[in-house]
């Protein structure tokens, strides 16, 4: 599934990056004031979406959680994901949207939690190794629920499929990730669903970078650039401390342990995360070189990164 992602670029940067990656969008952003760049985008918030409008492509902020066009009131069930097997079999919820209301949800990367036998979960962040934006195949709807404060509600859901061999260690589902050329086909409503679109829904085979991150990303209101940094690179980690105390750097990454540099602090709202971060993470990458780190968010209020671990308490606590 895909239940949390990062999109830290401000609106103008996001538009420029989409152009650079081969998805030309017009300057006008529909409902752009509803989108706030974050390192921790959660369901029911407004997310950046690209959709076709006539012969052009436009960015629009849409509510993440699908509300079908026939809804007269906001339903309790607002699916954030649409499974590929559900779309193939047919569903009243998505049948109209999959034919004429396909869109792209834009992200820097997404989070997934690995389940352990003891019941604990470990968060991982996944992004493209080439540094391009992640383009998720998605569907949208235009509804008019009577209990929504505005005349119309645009909402979206991200399509999911089975995992690639690279990703299956982490979860049994993954979002539909499209390259820019396939994204343009996905947005083309003249394409046949059965012949052209359905075969596109498959596990992503491109190069991805996947690594463990701090569990402070858990609370949905938490927001920090630390969330997209490999956990063993965070200042205050035990591995970093021992590297400094001996006068030697921390152990170098192997060819399967490529890591990104830590993003610069962003202007962020106060973080509510309180859980303890883990160390000694597992990281997975493809053989390609590591991309540049994600840029900082620019549309929220200032806040310093989350506090560091207390080395003093580490040695004195018994």
C-alpha atoms as a PDB file:
ATOM      1  CA  UNK A   1       0.000   0.000   0.000  1.00  0.00           C
ATOM      2  CA  UNK A   2       0.997   3.644   0.087  1.00  0.00           C
ATOM      3  CA  UNK A   3      -0.191   5.464   3.196  1.00  0.00           C
ATOM      4  CA  UNK A   4       2.400   8.180   3.726  1.00  0.00           C
ATOM      5  CA  UNK A   5       4.798  10.095   1.483  1.00  0.00           C
ATOM      6  CA  UNK A   6       7.014  13.173   1.311  1.00  0.00           C
ATOM      7  CA  UNK A   7       6.575  16.188  -0.950  1.00  0.00           C
ATOM      8  CA  UNK A   8       8.869  18.912   0.352  1.00  0.00           C
ATOM      9  CA  UNK A   9       9.066  21.201  -2.688  1.00  0.00           C
ATOM     10  CA  UNK A  10       7.192  24.484  -2.630  1.00  0.00           C
ATOM     11  CA  UNK A  11       4.697  25.029  -5.491  1.00  0.00           C
ATOM     12  CA  UNK A  12       7.036  26.953  -7.832  1.00  0.00           C
ATOM     13  CA  UNK A  13       9.859  24.452  -7.300  1.00  0.00           C
ATOM     14  CA  UNK A  14       7.483  21.568  -7.897  1.00  0.00           C
ATOM     15  CA  UNK A  15       6.346  23.028 -11.213  1.00  0.00           C
ATOM     16  CA  UNK A  16       9.928  23.586 -12.340  1.00  0.00           C
ATOM     17  CA  UNK A  17      10.939  20.065 -11.350  1.00  0.00           C
ATOM     18  CA  UNK A  18       8.005  18.535 -13.236  1.00  0.00           C
ATOM     19  CA  UNK A  19       9.059  20.424 -16.379  1.00  0.00           C
ATOM     20  CA  UNK A  20      12.623  19.230 -15.885  1.00  0.00           C
ATOM     21  CA  UNK A  21      11.463  15.620 -15.484  1.00  0.00           C
ATOM     22  CA  UNK A  22       9.421  15.721 -18.705  1.00  0.00           C
ATOM     23  CA  UNK A  23       5.902  16.441 -17.443  1.00  0.00           C
ATOM     24  CA  UNK A  24       5.033  19.966 -18.627  1.00  0.00           C
ATOM     25  CA  UNK A  25       2.374  21.629 -16.493  1.00  0.00           C
ATOM     26  CA  UNK A  26       0.837  25.058 -16.872  1.00  0.00           C
ATOM     27  CA  UNK A  27       1.773  27.839 -14.462  1.00  0.00           C
ATOM     28  CA  UNK A  28      -1.705  28.089 -13.006  1.00  0.00           C
ATOM     29  CA  UNK A  29      -2.146  25.762 -10.017  1.00  0.00           C
ATOM     30  CA  UNK A  30      -5.787  24.937  -9.249  1.00  0.00           C
ATOM     31  CA  UNK A  31      -6.502  25.234  -5.508  1.00  0.00           C
ATOM     32  CA  UNK A  32      -2.791  25.633  -4.888  1.00  0.00           C
ATOM     33  CA  UNK A  33      -3.422  27.420  -1.593  1.00  0.00           C
ATOM     34  CA  UNK A  34      -4.685  24.127  -0.118  1.00  0.00           C
ATOM     35  CA  UNK A  35      -1.373  22.324  -0.555  1.00  0.00           C
ATOM     36  CA  UNK A  36       1.399  22.625   2.033  1.00  0.00           C
ATOM     37  CA  UNK A  37       4.774  21.067   1.304  1.00  0.00           C
ATOM     38  CA  UNK A  38       5.667  18.510   3.965  1.00  0.00           C
ATOM     39  CA  UNK A  39       8.078  15.700   4.748  1.00  0.00           C
ATOM     40  CA  UNK A  40       5.158  13.712   6.135  1.00  0.00           C
ATOM     41  CA  UNK A  41       2.066  13.826   3.921  1.00  0.00           C
ATOM     42  CA  UNK A  42      -0.814  11.881   5.457  1.00  0.00           C
ATOM     43  CA  UNK A  43      -4.250  10.715   4.231  1.00  0.00           C
ATOM     44  CA  UNK A  44      -7.118  13.228   4.184  1.00  0.00           C
ATOM     45  CA  UNK A  45      -4.699  16.085   3.467  1.00  0.00           C
ATOM     46  CA  UNK A  46      -4.466  17.940   0.148  1.00  0.00           C
ATOM     47  CA  UNK A  47      -1.793  16.592  -2.189  1.00  0.00           C
ATOM     48  CA  UNK A  48      -0.315  17.753  -5.528  1.00  0.00           C
ATOM     49  CA  UNK A  49      -1.984  16.115  -8.513  1.00  0.00           C
ATOM     50  CA  UNK A  50      -1.396  16.447 -12.268  1.00  0.00           C
ATOM     51  CA  UNK A  51      -4.404  15.946 -14.539  1.00  0.00           C
ATOM     52  CA  UNK A  52      -5.172  16.555 -18.170  1.00  0.00           C
ATOM     53  CA  UNK A  53      -7.402  19.524 -18.936  1.00  0.00           C
ATOM     54  CA  UNK A  54      -8.064  19.764 -22.662  1.00  0.00           C
ATOM     55  CA  UNK A  55      -4.720  19.704 -24.437  1.00  0.00           C
ATOM     56  CA  UNK A  56      -2.687  20.754 -21.401  1.00  0.00           C
ATOM     57  CA  UNK A  57      -1.656  19.452 -17.991  1.00  0.00           C
ATOM     58  CA  UNK A  58      -2.436  21.255 -14.781  1.00  0.00           C
ATOM     59  CA  UNK A  59      -1.392  20.911 -11.170  1.00  0.00           C
ATOM     60  CA  UNK A  60      -4.270  20.750  -8.725  1.00  0.00           C
ATOM     61  CA  UNK A  61      -4.429  20.190  -4.981  1.00  0.00           C
ATOM     62  CA  UNK A  62      -6.833  17.324  -4.217  1.00  0.00           C
ATOM     63  CA  UNK A  63      -7.938  15.635  -1.008  1.00  0.00           C
ATOM     64  CA  UNK A  64      -6.194  12.303  -0.512  1.00  0.00           C
ATOM     65  CA  UNK A  65      -9.027   9.857   0.127  1.00  0.00           C
ATOM     66  CA  UNK A  66     -11.402   8.985  -2.716  1.00  0.00           C
ATOM     67  CA  UNK A  67     -14.955  10.335  -2.582  1.00  0.00           C
ATOM     68  CA  UNK A  68     -16.880   9.028  -5.627  1.00  0.00           C
ATOM     69  CA  UNK A  69     -18.834  11.409  -7.812  1.00  0.00           C
ATOM     70  CA  UNK A  70     -22.156   9.836  -6.786  1.00  0.00           C
ATOM     71  CA  UNK A  71     -21.618  10.538  -3.057  1.00  0.00           C
ATOM     72  CA  UNK A  72     -24.251  12.873  -1.610  1.00  0.00           C
ATOM     73  CA  UNK A  73     -22.448  13.047   1.752  1.00  0.00           C
ATOM     74  CA  UNK A  74     -18.869  12.421   2.817  1.00  0.00           C
ATOM     75  CA  UNK A  75     -18.565   8.651   3.274  1.00  0.00           C
ATOM     76  CA  UNK A  76     -16.683   7.092   6.193  1.00  0.00           C
ATOM     77  CA  UNK A  77     -14.723   4.982   3.717  1.00  0.00           C
ATOM     78  CA  UNK A  78     -12.504   7.249   1.629  1.00  0.00           C
ATOM     79  CA  UNK A  79      -9.915   4.852   0.147  1.00  0.00           C
ATOM     80  CA  UNK A  80      -6.399   6.228  -0.185  1.00  0.00           C
ATOM     81  CA  UNK A  81      -5.397   3.324  -2.428  1.00  0.00           C
ATOM     82  CA  UNK A  82      -7.026   1.478  -5.335  1.00  0.00           C
ATOM     83  CA  UNK A  83      -5.737  -2.065  -5.812  1.00  0.00           C
ATOM     84  CA  UNK A  84      -4.913  -3.181  -9.342  1.00  0.00           C
ATOM     85  CA  UNK A  85      -6.936  -6.403  -8.990  1.00  0.00           C
ATOM     86  CA  UNK A  86      -9.966  -4.383  -7.859  1.00  0.00           C
ATOM     87  CA  UNK A  87      -9.671  -2.124 -10.902  1.00  0.00           C
ATOM     88  CA  UNK A  88      -9.285  -5.097 -13.236  1.00  0.00           C
ATOM     89  CA  UNK A  89     -12.298  -6.929 -11.806  1.00  0.00           C
ATOM     90  CA  UNK A  90     -14.433  -3.783 -11.795  1.00  0.00           C
ATOM     91  CA  UNK A  91     -15.813  -1.720  -8.924  1.00  0.00           C
ATOM     92  CA  UNK A  92     -18.640   0.853  -8.787  1.00  0.00           C
ATOM     93  CA  UNK A  93     -16.318   3.021  -6.702  1.00  0.00           C
ATOM     94  CA  UNK A  94     -13.658   3.320  -9.409  1.00  0.00           C
ATOM     95  CA  UNK A  95     -15.191   2.258 -12.745  1.00  0.00           C
ATOM     96  CA  UNK A  96     -15.826   5.786 -13.993  1.00  0.00           C
ATOM     97  CA  UNK A  97     -12.549   7.214 -12.761  1.00  0.00           C
ATOM     98  CA  UNK A  98     -10.335   4.500 -14.256  1.00  0.00           C
ATOM     99  CA  UNK A  99     -11.687   5.328 -17.730  1.00  0.00           C
ATOM    100  CA  UNK A 100     -11.811   9.123 -17.777  1.00  0.00           C
ATOM    101  CA  UNK A 101     -10.368  10.489 -14.519  1.00  0.00           C
ATOM    102  CA  UNK A 102      -6.826   9.209 -14.285  1.00  0.00           C
ATOM    103  CA  UNK A 103      -4.233  11.499 -12.728  1.00  0.00           C
ATOM    104  CA  UNK A 104      -0.734  11.585 -11.255  1.00  0.00           C
ATOM    105  CA  UNK A 105       0.088  12.159  -7.578  1.00  0.00           C
ATOM    106  CA  UNK A 106       3.513  13.797  -7.241  1.00  0.00           C
ATOM    107  CA  UNK A 107       5.967  12.967  -4.438  1.00  0.00           C
ATOM    108  CA  UNK A 108       9.640  12.983  -3.502  1.00  0.00           C
ATOM    109  CA  UNK A 109       9.300   9.439  -2.201  1.00  0.00           C
ATOM    110  CA  UNK A 110       7.133   7.345   0.099  1.00  0.00           C
ATOM    111  CA  UNK A 111       7.276   5.634   3.479  1.00  0.00           C
ATOM    112  CA  UNK A 112       6.499   2.027   4.289  1.00  0.00           C
ATOM    113  CA  UNK A 113       6.721   0.147   7.570  1.00  0.00           C
ATOM    114  CA  UNK A 114       8.349  -3.279   7.753  1.00  0.00           C
ATOM    115  CA  UNK A 115       6.535  -5.641  10.116  1.00  0.00           C
ATOM    116  CA  UNK A 116       8.622  -7.851  12.419  1.00  0.00           C
ATOM    117  CA  UNK A 117       7.712 -11.133  14.084  1.00  0.00           C
ATOM    118  CA  UNK A 118       7.645  -9.445  17.497  1.00  0.00           C
ATOM    119  CA  UNK A 119       4.933  -7.043  16.308  1.00  0.00           C
ATOM    120  CA  UNK A 120       7.181  -4.023  15.944  1.00  0.00           C
ATOM    121  CA  UNK A 121       7.348  -1.960  12.758  1.00  0.00           C
ATOM    122  CA  UNK A 122      10.327  -0.169  11.222  1.00  0.00           C
ATOM    123  CA  UNK A 123       9.835   2.782   8.813  1.00  0.00           C
ATOM    124  CA  UNK A 124      11.667   2.912   5.489  1.00  0.00           C
ATOM    125  CA  UNK A 125      11.807   5.668   2.883  1.00  0.00           C
ATOM    126  CA  UNK A 126      11.875   4.837  -0.838  1.00  0.00           C
ATOM    127  CA  UNK A 127      12.705   7.194  -3.702  1.00  0.00           C
ATOM    128  CA  UNK A 128      14.099   7.104  -7.231  1.00  0.00           C
ATOM    129  CA  UNK A 129      17.867   6.770  -7.504  1.00  0.00           C
ATOM    130  CA  UNK A 130      18.044   9.219 -10.409  1.00  0.00           C
ATOM    131  CA  UNK A 131      16.670  12.066  -8.287  1.00  0.00           C
ATOM    132  CA  UNK A 132      13.498  12.522 -10.323  1.00  0.00           C
ATOM    133  CA  UNK A 133      10.137  13.031  -8.695  1.00  0.00           C
ATOM    134  CA  UNK A 134       8.012   9.979  -8.034  1.00  0.00           C
ATOM    135  CA  UNK A 135       4.922   9.946 -10.240  1.00  0.00           C
ATOM    136  CA  UNK A 136       2.200   7.731  -8.797  1.00  0.00           C
ATOM    137  CA  UNK A 137      -0.557   6.494 -11.097  1.00  0.00           C
ATOM    138  CA  UNK A 138      -3.804   7.621  -9.474  1.00  0.00           C
ATOM    139  CA  UNK A 139      -7.521   8.275  -9.997  1.00  0.00           C
ATOM    140  CA  UNK A 140      -9.598  11.302  -9.062  1.00  0.00           C
ATOM    141  CA  UNK A 141     -13.252  12.179  -8.631  1.00  0.00           C
ATOM    142  CA  UNK A 142     -15.352  15.332  -8.639  1.00  0.00           C
ATOM    143  CA  UNK A 143     -18.074  15.093  -6.002  1.00  0.00           C
ATOM    144  CA  UNK A 144     -20.686  17.421  -4.482  1.00  0.00           C
ATOM    145  CA  UNK A 145     -21.327  16.151  -0.945  1.00  0.00           C
ATOM    146  CA  UNK A 146     -23.803  18.272   0.977  1.00  0.00           C
ATOM    147  CA  UNK A 147     -21.656  18.256   4.121  1.00  0.00           C
ATOM    148  CA  UNK A 148     -18.537  19.561   2.369  1.00  0.00           C
ATOM    149  CA  UNK A 149     -18.119  23.323   2.954  1.00  0.00           C
ATOM    150  CA  UNK A 150     -17.451  24.067  -0.721  1.00  0.00           C
ATOM    151  CA  UNK A 151     -19.575  23.464  -3.855  1.00  0.00           C
ATOM    152  CA  UNK A 152     -17.230  20.779  -5.212  1.00  0.00           C
ATOM    153  CA  UNK A 153     -14.701  18.365  -3.723  1.00  0.00           C
ATOM    154  CA  UNK A 154     -11.845  16.943  -5.775  1.00  0.00           C
ATOM    155  CA  UNK A 155     -10.337  13.818  -4.250  1.00  0.00           C
ATOM    156  CA  UNK A 156      -7.778  11.229  -5.308  1.00  0.00           C
ATOM    157  CA  UNK A 157      -6.552   7.698  -4.617  1.00  0.00           C
ATOM    158  CA  UNK A 158      -3.183   6.108  -5.467  1.00  0.00           C
ATOM    159  CA  UNK A 159      -3.176   2.885  -7.475  1.00  0.00           C
ATOM    160  CA  UNK A 160      -1.206   0.014  -5.933  1.00  0.00           C
ATOM    161  CA  UNK A 161       0.163  -3.203  -7.390  1.00  0.00           C
ATOM    162  CA  UNK A 162       2.249  -6.205  -6.333  1.00  0.00           C
ATOM    163  CA  UNK A 163       5.820  -5.468  -5.166  1.00  0.00           C
ATOM    164  CA  UNK A 164       8.938  -5.745  -7.287  1.00  0.00           C
ATOM    165  CA  UNK A 165      11.629  -8.237  -6.218  1.00  0.00           C
ATOM    166  CA  UNK A 166      13.576  -5.266  -4.866  1.00  0.00           C
ATOM    167  CA  UNK A 167      10.665  -4.109  -2.689  1.00  0.00           C
ATOM    168  CA  UNK A 168       9.078  -7.389  -1.578  1.00  0.00           C
ATOM    169  CA  UNK A 169      11.311  -7.617   1.524  1.00  0.00           C
ATOM    170  CA  UNK A 170       9.390  -4.635   2.888  1.00  0.00           C
ATOM    171  CA  UNK A 171       5.736  -5.059   1.893  1.00  0.00           C
ATOM    172  CA  UNK A 172       3.387  -7.114  -0.279  1.00  0.00           C
ATOM    173  CA  UNK A 173       2.078  -4.028  -2.098  1.00  0.00           C
ATOM    174  CA  UNK A 174       3.688  -0.952  -3.664  1.00  0.00           C
ATOM    175  CA  UNK A 175       2.353   2.177  -5.393  1.00  0.00           C
ATOM    176  CA  UNK A 176       2.152   2.295  -9.175  1.00  0.00           C
ATOM    177  CA  UNK A 177       5.281   4.268 -10.101  1.00  0.00           C
ATOM    178  CA  UNK A 178       5.399   5.679 -13.626  1.00  0.00           C
ATOM    179  CA  UNK A 179       8.217   7.135 -15.701  1.00  0.00           C
ATOM    180  CA  UNK A 180       7.337  10.481 -17.338  1.00  0.00           C
ATOM    181  CA  UNK A 181       6.507   8.968 -20.760  1.00  0.00           C
ATOM    182  CA  UNK A 182       4.184   6.412 -19.192  1.00  0.00           C
ATOM    183  CA  UNK A 183       2.669   9.145 -17.027  1.00  0.00           C
ATOM    184  CA  UNK A 184       1.669  11.055 -20.162  1.00  0.00           C
ATOM    185  CA  UNK A 185       0.013   7.900 -21.526  1.00  0.00           C
ATOM    186  CA  UNK A 186      -1.750   7.383 -18.203  1.00  0.00           C
ATOM    187  CA  UNK A 187      -3.203  10.894 -18.481  1.00  0.00           C
ATOM    188  CA  UNK A 188      -4.358  10.376 -22.088  1.00  0.00           C
ATOM    189  CA  UNK A 189      -8.076   9.543 -21.901  1.00  0.00           C
ATOM    190  CA  UNK A 190      -8.088   8.362 -25.520  1.00  0.00           C
ATOM    191  CA  UNK A 191      -6.056   5.321 -24.448  1.00  0.00           C
ATOM    192  CA  UNK A 192      -8.013   2.081 -24.126  1.00  0.00           C
ATOM    193  CA  UNK A 193      -8.308   0.873 -20.531  1.00  0.00           C
ATOM    194  CA  UNK A 194      -8.119  -2.803 -21.400  1.00  0.00           C
ATOM    195  CA  UNK A 195      -5.544  -2.621 -24.179  1.00  0.00           C
ATOM    196  CA  UNK A 196      -3.301   0.307 -23.232  1.00  0.00           C
ATOM    197  CA  UNK A 197      -3.708   1.254 -19.575  1.00  0.00           C
ATOM    198  CA  UNK A 198      -4.200  -2.017 -17.706  1.00  0.00           C
ATOM    199  CA  UNK A 199      -0.865  -3.494 -18.923  1.00  0.00           C
ATOM    200  CA  UNK A 200       0.903  -0.445 -17.434  1.00  0.00           C
ATOM    201  CA  UNK A 201      -0.160  -1.406 -13.913  1.00  0.00           C
ATOM    202  CA  UNK A 202       2.774  -3.505 -12.811  1.00  0.00           C
ATOM    203  CA  UNK A 203       5.684  -3.401 -10.317  1.00  0.00           C
ATOM    204  CA  UNK A 204       8.251  -0.697 -10.987  1.00  0.00           C
ATOM    205  CA  UNK A 205      11.490  -2.107 -12.417  1.00  0.00           C
ATOM    206  CA  UNK A 206      13.602   1.069 -12.348  1.00  0.00           C
ATOM    207  CA  UNK A 207      16.335   1.855  -9.842  1.00  0.00           C
ATOM    208  CA  UNK A 208      15.104   2.748  -6.370  1.00  0.00           C
ATOM    209  CA  UNK A 209      16.817   3.710  -3.142  1.00  0.00           C
ATOM    210  CA  UNK A 210      15.263   2.324   0.046  1.00  0.00           C
ATOM    211  CA  UNK A 211      16.585   2.813   3.582  1.00  0.00           C
ATOM    212  CA  UNK A 212      15.491   2.828   7.209  1.00  0.00           C
ATOM    213  CA  UNK A 213      14.508   6.183   8.707  1.00  0.00           C
ATOM    214  CA  UNK A 214      13.652   7.485  12.156  1.00  0.00           C
ATOM    215  CA  UNK A 215      10.443   6.205  13.717  1.00  0.00           C
ATOM    216  CA  UNK A 216       9.606   9.814  14.606  1.00  0.00           C
ATOM    217  CA  UNK A 217       7.869   9.904  11.215  1.00  0.00           C
ATOM    218  CA  UNK A 218       5.048   7.871  12.767  1.00  0.00           C
ATOM    219  CA  UNK A 219       2.731  10.617  14.107  1.00  0.00           C
ATOM    220  CA  UNK A 220       0.865  12.149  11.169  1.00  0.00           C
ATOM    221  CA  UNK A 221       1.329  15.725  12.452  1.00  0.00           C
ATOM    222  CA  UNK A 222       5.105  15.354  12.793  1.00  0.00           C
ATOM    223  CA  UNK A 223       7.207  17.117  10.152  1.00  0.00           C
ATOM    224  CA  UNK A 224      10.994  17.287   9.830  1.00  0.00           C
ATOM    225  CA  UNK A 225      13.683  16.999   7.122  1.00  0.00           C
ATOM    226  CA  UNK A 226      15.228  14.298   9.338  1.00  0.00           C
ATOM    227  CA  UNK A 227      12.453  11.964   8.194  1.00  0.00           C
ATOM    228  CA  UNK A 228      14.059  11.412   4.767  1.00  0.00           C
ATOM    229  CA  UNK A 229      17.603  10.914   6.106  1.00  0.00           C
ATOM    230  CA  UNK A 230      19.024   7.397   6.674  1.00  0.00           C
ATOM    231  CA  UNK A 231      18.706   6.829  10.397  1.00  0.00           C
ATOM    232  CA  UNK A 232      22.413   6.117  10.921  1.00  0.00           C
ATOM    233  CA  UNK A 233      23.298   9.515   9.415  1.00  0.00           C
ATOM    234  CA  UNK A 234      21.213  11.492  11.892  1.00  0.00           C
ATOM    235  CA  UNK A 235      23.320  13.588  14.269  1.00  0.00           C
ATOM    236  CA  UNK A 236      23.318  11.988  17.697  1.00  0.00           C
ATOM    237  CA  UNK A 237      23.053   8.389  16.510  1.00  0.00           C
ATOM    238  CA  UNK A 238      25.232   5.932  18.431  1.00  0.00           C
ATOM    239  CA  UNK A 239      27.109   4.922  15.271  1.00  0.00           C
ATOM    240  CA  UNK A 240      28.002   8.556  14.582  1.00  0.00           C
ATOM    241  CA  UNK A 241      29.136   9.067  18.178  1.00  0.00           C
ATOM    242  CA  UNK A 242      31.570   6.161  18.138  1.00  0.00           C
ATOM    243  CA  UNK A 243      32.897   7.277  14.750  1.00  0.00           C
ATOM    244  CA  UNK A 244      33.740  10.691  16.230  1.00  0.00           C
ATOM    245  CA  UNK A 245      35.045   9.456  19.597  1.00  0.00           C
ATOM    246  CA  UNK A 246      37.721   7.313  17.953  1.00  0.00           C
ATOM    247  CA  UNK A 247      38.728  10.045  15.536  1.00  0.00           C
ATOM    248  CA  UNK A 248      37.588   7.846  12.678  1.00  0.00           C
ATOM    249  CA  UNK A 249      34.573   8.255  10.397  1.00  0.00           C
ATOM    250  CA  UNK A 250      31.615   5.943  10.695  1.00  0.00           C
ATOM    251  CA  UNK A 251      31.900   2.775   8.548  1.00  0.00           C
ATOM    252  CA  UNK A 252      31.648   3.516   4.834  1.00  0.00           C
ATOM    253  CA  UNK A 253      28.592   2.366   2.903  1.00  0.00           C
ATOM    254  CA  UNK A 254      28.938  -0.739   0.776  1.00  0.00           C
ATOM    255  CA  UNK A 255      27.664  -0.947  -2.765  1.00  0.00           C
ATOM    256  CA  UNK A 256      24.257  -1.927  -1.329  1.00  0.00           C
ATOM    257  CA  UNK A 257      24.337   0.780   1.350  1.00  0.00           C
ATOM    258  CA  UNK A 258      24.312   3.998  -0.663  1.00  0.00           C
ATOM    259  CA  UNK A 259      23.094   6.864   1.501  1.00  0.00           C
ATOM    260  CA  UNK A 260      21.906  10.368   0.903  1.00  0.00           C
ATOM    261  CA  UNK A 261      23.278  13.475   2.527  1.00  0.00           C
ATOM    262  CA  UNK A 262      21.147  15.124   5.160  1.00  0.00           C
ATOM    263  CA  UNK A 263      18.839  17.869   3.832  1.00  0.00           C
ATOM    264  CA  UNK A 264      19.198  21.382   5.125  1.00  0.00           C
ATOM    265  CA  UNK A 265      16.753  22.299   7.891  1.00  0.00           C
ATOM    266  CA  UNK A 266      13.435  23.452   6.508  1.00  0.00           C
ATOM    267  CA  UNK A 267      10.906  25.980   7.701  1.00  0.00           C
ATOM    268  CA  UNK A 268       8.611  23.627   9.538  1.00  0.00           C
ATOM    269  CA  UNK A 269       5.806  23.708  12.117  1.00  0.00           C
ATOM    270  CA  UNK A 270       6.582  22.382  15.622  1.00  0.00           C
ATOM    271  CA  UNK A 271       7.048  18.624  15.535  1.00  0.00           C
ATOM    272  CA  UNK A 272       4.934  16.403  17.777  1.00  0.00           C
ATOM    273  CA  UNK A 273       6.996  13.279  17.294  1.00  0.00           C
ATOM    274  CA  UNK A 274       8.245  11.719  20.519  1.00  0.00           C
ATOM    275  CA  UNK A 275       9.163   8.110  19.762  1.00  0.00           C
ATOM    276  CA  UNK A 276      12.790   6.950  19.933  1.00  0.00           C
ATOM    277  CA  UNK A 277      14.654   6.524  16.709  1.00  0.00           C
ATOM    278  CA  UNK A 278      16.390   3.247  15.892  1.00  0.00           C
ATOM    279  CA  UNK A 279      19.982   2.817  14.835  1.00  0.00           C
ATOM    280  CA  UNK A 280      21.950   0.368  12.680  1.00  0.00           C
ATOM    281  CA  UNK A 281      19.428   0.438   9.784  1.00  0.00           C
ATOM    282  CA  UNK A 282      19.104  -1.827   6.814  1.00  0.00           C
ATOM    283  CA  UNK A 283      19.401  -0.020   3.486  1.00  0.00           C
ATOM    284  CA  UNK A 284      18.680  -1.265  -0.018  1.00  0.00           C
ATOM    285  CA  UNK A 285      19.744   0.301  -3.293  1.00  0.00           C
ATOM    286  CA  UNK A 286      20.276  -0.598  -6.889  1.00  0.00           C
ATOM    287  CA  UNK A 287      23.867  -0.405  -8.257  1.00  0.00           C
ATOM    288  CA  UNK A 288      23.488   3.130  -9.643  1.00  0.00           C
ATOM    289  CA  UNK A 289      25.041   6.094  -7.883  1.00  0.00           C
ATOM    290  CA  UNK A 290      23.133   7.931  -5.163  1.00  0.00           C
ATOM    291  CA  UNK A 291      21.044  10.982  -6.154  1.00  0.00           C
ATOM    292  CA  UNK A 292      21.140  14.327  -4.468  1.00  0.00           C
ATOM    293  CA  UNK A 293      19.229  14.675  -1.236  1.00  0.00           C
ATOM    294  CA  UNK A 294      15.730  16.078  -1.185  1.00  0.00           C
ATOM    295  CA  UNK A 295      15.342  19.863  -1.046  1.00  0.00           C
ATOM    296  CA  UNK A 296      13.812  21.414   2.057  1.00  0.00           C
ATOM    297  CA  UNK A 297      10.175  22.381   2.362  1.00  0.00           C
ATOM    298  CA  UNK A 298       9.526  26.121   2.248  1.00  0.00           C
ATOM    299  CA  UNK A 299       5.891  26.711   3.119  1.00  0.00           C
ATOM    300  CA  UNK A 300       5.678  25.972   6.805  1.00  0.00           C
ATOM    301  CA  UNK A 301       6.898  27.636   9.981  1.00  0.00           C
ATOM    302  CA  UNK A 302      10.407  27.331  11.368  1.00  0.00           C
ATOM    303  CA  UNK A 303      11.407  24.533  13.654  1.00  0.00           C
ATOM    304  CA  UNK A 304      14.748  22.958  14.502  1.00  0.00           C
ATOM    305  CA  UNK A 305      15.280  19.241  13.754  1.00  0.00           C
ATOM    306  CA  UNK A 306      14.223  16.759  16.404  1.00  0.00           C
ATOM    307  CA  UNK A 307      16.420  16.506  19.496  1.00  0.00           C
ATOM    308  CA  UNK A 308      19.489  14.321  19.581  1.00  0.00           C
ATOM    309  CA  UNK A 309      20.017  11.262  21.712  1.00  0.00           C
ATOM    310  CA  UNK A 310      21.698  11.915  25.081  1.00  0.00           C
ATOM    311  CA  UNK A 311      25.156  10.345  24.995  1.00  0.00           C
ATOM    312  CA  UNK A 312      25.576  11.088  28.722  1.00  0.00           C
ATOM    313  CA  UNK A 313      22.513   9.052  29.653  1.00  0.00           C
ATOM    314  CA  UNK A 314      23.677   6.287  27.331  1.00  0.00           C
ATOM    315  CA  UNK A 315      26.826   5.744  29.444  1.00  0.00           C
ATOM    316  CA  UNK A 316      25.471   6.505  32.935  1.00  0.00           C
ATOM    317  CA  UNK A 317      22.116   4.733  32.866  1.00  0.00           C
ATOM    318  CA  UNK A 318      22.265   1.339  34.559  1.00  0.00           C
END
